[in-house]
């Protein structure tokens, strides 16, 4: 009974067109999670073979600073 009630609430909140998109996104998320856990398990079981697919965060060298550009304010138009 509770499952039917939850499904009805989800249908009312998101609509029939949005539910397949939500399910697709949920499925992709589950697949990514399974892939990540499988990679970690493989690395734990075989520590001598490093995985080339693991993403290492790239950080800039310590002696450099990140430069950002600030856009100039828009020019004011004089009316008159």
Protein backbone atom coordinates (compact mmCIF):
# COMPACT_ATOMS: atom_id res chain seq x y z
CA UNK A 1 0.00 0.00 0.00
CA UNK A 2 2.81 2.42 0.90
CA UNK A 3 4.62 1.79 -2.40
CA UNK A 4 1.52 2.75 -4.40
CA UNK A 5 1.13 5.91 -2.34
CA UNK A 6 4.78 6.87 -2.87
CA UNK A 7 4.51 6.23 -6.62
CA UNK A 8 1.36 8.36 -6.79
CA UNK A 9 3.09 11.22 -4.97
CA UNK A 10 6.11 11.01 -7.30
CA UNK A 11 3.79 11.03 -10.33
CA UNK A 12 1.96 14.09 -9.04
CA UNK A 13 5.16 15.95 -8.16
CA UNK A 14 7.16 15.32 -11.32
CA UNK A 15 4.62 14.40 -13.97
CA UNK A 16 4.61 11.47 -16.36
CA UNK A 17 7.09 13.02 -18.80
CA UNK A 18 9.79 13.69 -16.20
CA UNK A 19 9.81 10.26 -14.51
CA UNK A 20 11.72 8.42 -17.33
CA UNK A 21 14.40 11.13 -17.27
CA UNK A 22 14.74 10.78 -13.50
CA UNK A 23 14.96 6.98 -13.77
CA UNK A 24 17.62 7.26 -16.50
CA UNK A 25 19.70 9.61 -14.35
CA UNK A 26 19.31 7.31 -11.35
CA UNK A 27 20.43 4.32 -13.43
CA UNK A 28 23.51 6.18 -14.66
CA UNK A 29 24.36 7.15 -11.11
CA UNK A 30 24.06 3.57 -9.91
CA UNK A 31 26.27 2.35 -12.77
CA UNK A 32 28.93 4.97 -11.96
CA UNK A 33 28.85 3.92 -8.30
CA UNK A 34 29.22 0.24 -9.18
CA UNK A 35 32.12 1.04 -11.52
CA UNK A 36 33.89 3.07 -8.85
CA UNK A 37 33.47 0.37 -6.21
CA UNK A 38 34.71 -2.27 -8.65
CA UNK A 39 37.82 -0.18 -9.43
CA UNK A 40 38.56 0.33 -5.74
CA UNK A 41 38.09 -3.39 -5.05
CA UNK A 42 40.43 -4.26 -7.93
CA UNK A 43 43.08 -1.83 -6.64
CA UNK A 44 42.84 -3.29 -3.15
CA UNK A 45 43.14 -6.86 -4.42
CA UNK A 46 45.94 -6.05 -6.89
CA UNK A 47 47.96 -3.17 -5.41
CA UNK A 48 50.93 -3.73 -7.75
CA UNK A 49 48.91 -2.93 -10.90
CA UNK A 50 47.86 0.69 -10.74
CA UNK A 51 44.70 1.58 -12.59
CA UNK A 52 45.17 4.11 -15.38
CA UNK A 53 41.51 5.09 -15.30
CA UNK A 54 41.61 6.53 -11.78
CA UNK A 55 41.37 10.28 -11.94
CA UNK A 56 44.04 12.15 -10.04
CA UNK A 57 43.10 15.77 -9.31
CA UNK A 58 45.45 18.12 -11.10
CA UNK A 59 46.71 20.98 -9.01
CA UNK A 60 48.73 23.91 -10.27
CA UNK A 61 52.37 24.15 -9.19
CA UNK A 62 52.87 25.74 -5.78
CA UNK A 63 54.87 28.72 -7.06
CA UNK A 64 52.20 29.92 -9.50
CA UNK A 65 48.94 31.68 -8.83
CA UNK A 66 45.71 31.26 -10.67
CA UNK A 67 44.91 34.29 -12.75
CA UNK A 68 41.34 35.29 -13.31
CA UNK A 69 40.15 38.05 -15.54
CA UNK A 70 37.53 40.43 -14.27
CA UNK A 71 35.33 41.81 -17.03
CA UNK A 72 35.17 45.57 -17.36
CA UNK A 73 31.91 47.21 -16.35
CA UNK A 74 29.66 48.15 -19.25
CA UNK A 75 30.11 51.64 -20.64
CA UNK A 76 27.46 54.12 -19.62
CA UNK A 77 25.49 55.74 -22.38
CA UNK A 78 24.72 59.42 -21.98
CA UNK A 79 21.25 60.32 -23.03
CA UNK A 80 20.60 63.86 -23.78
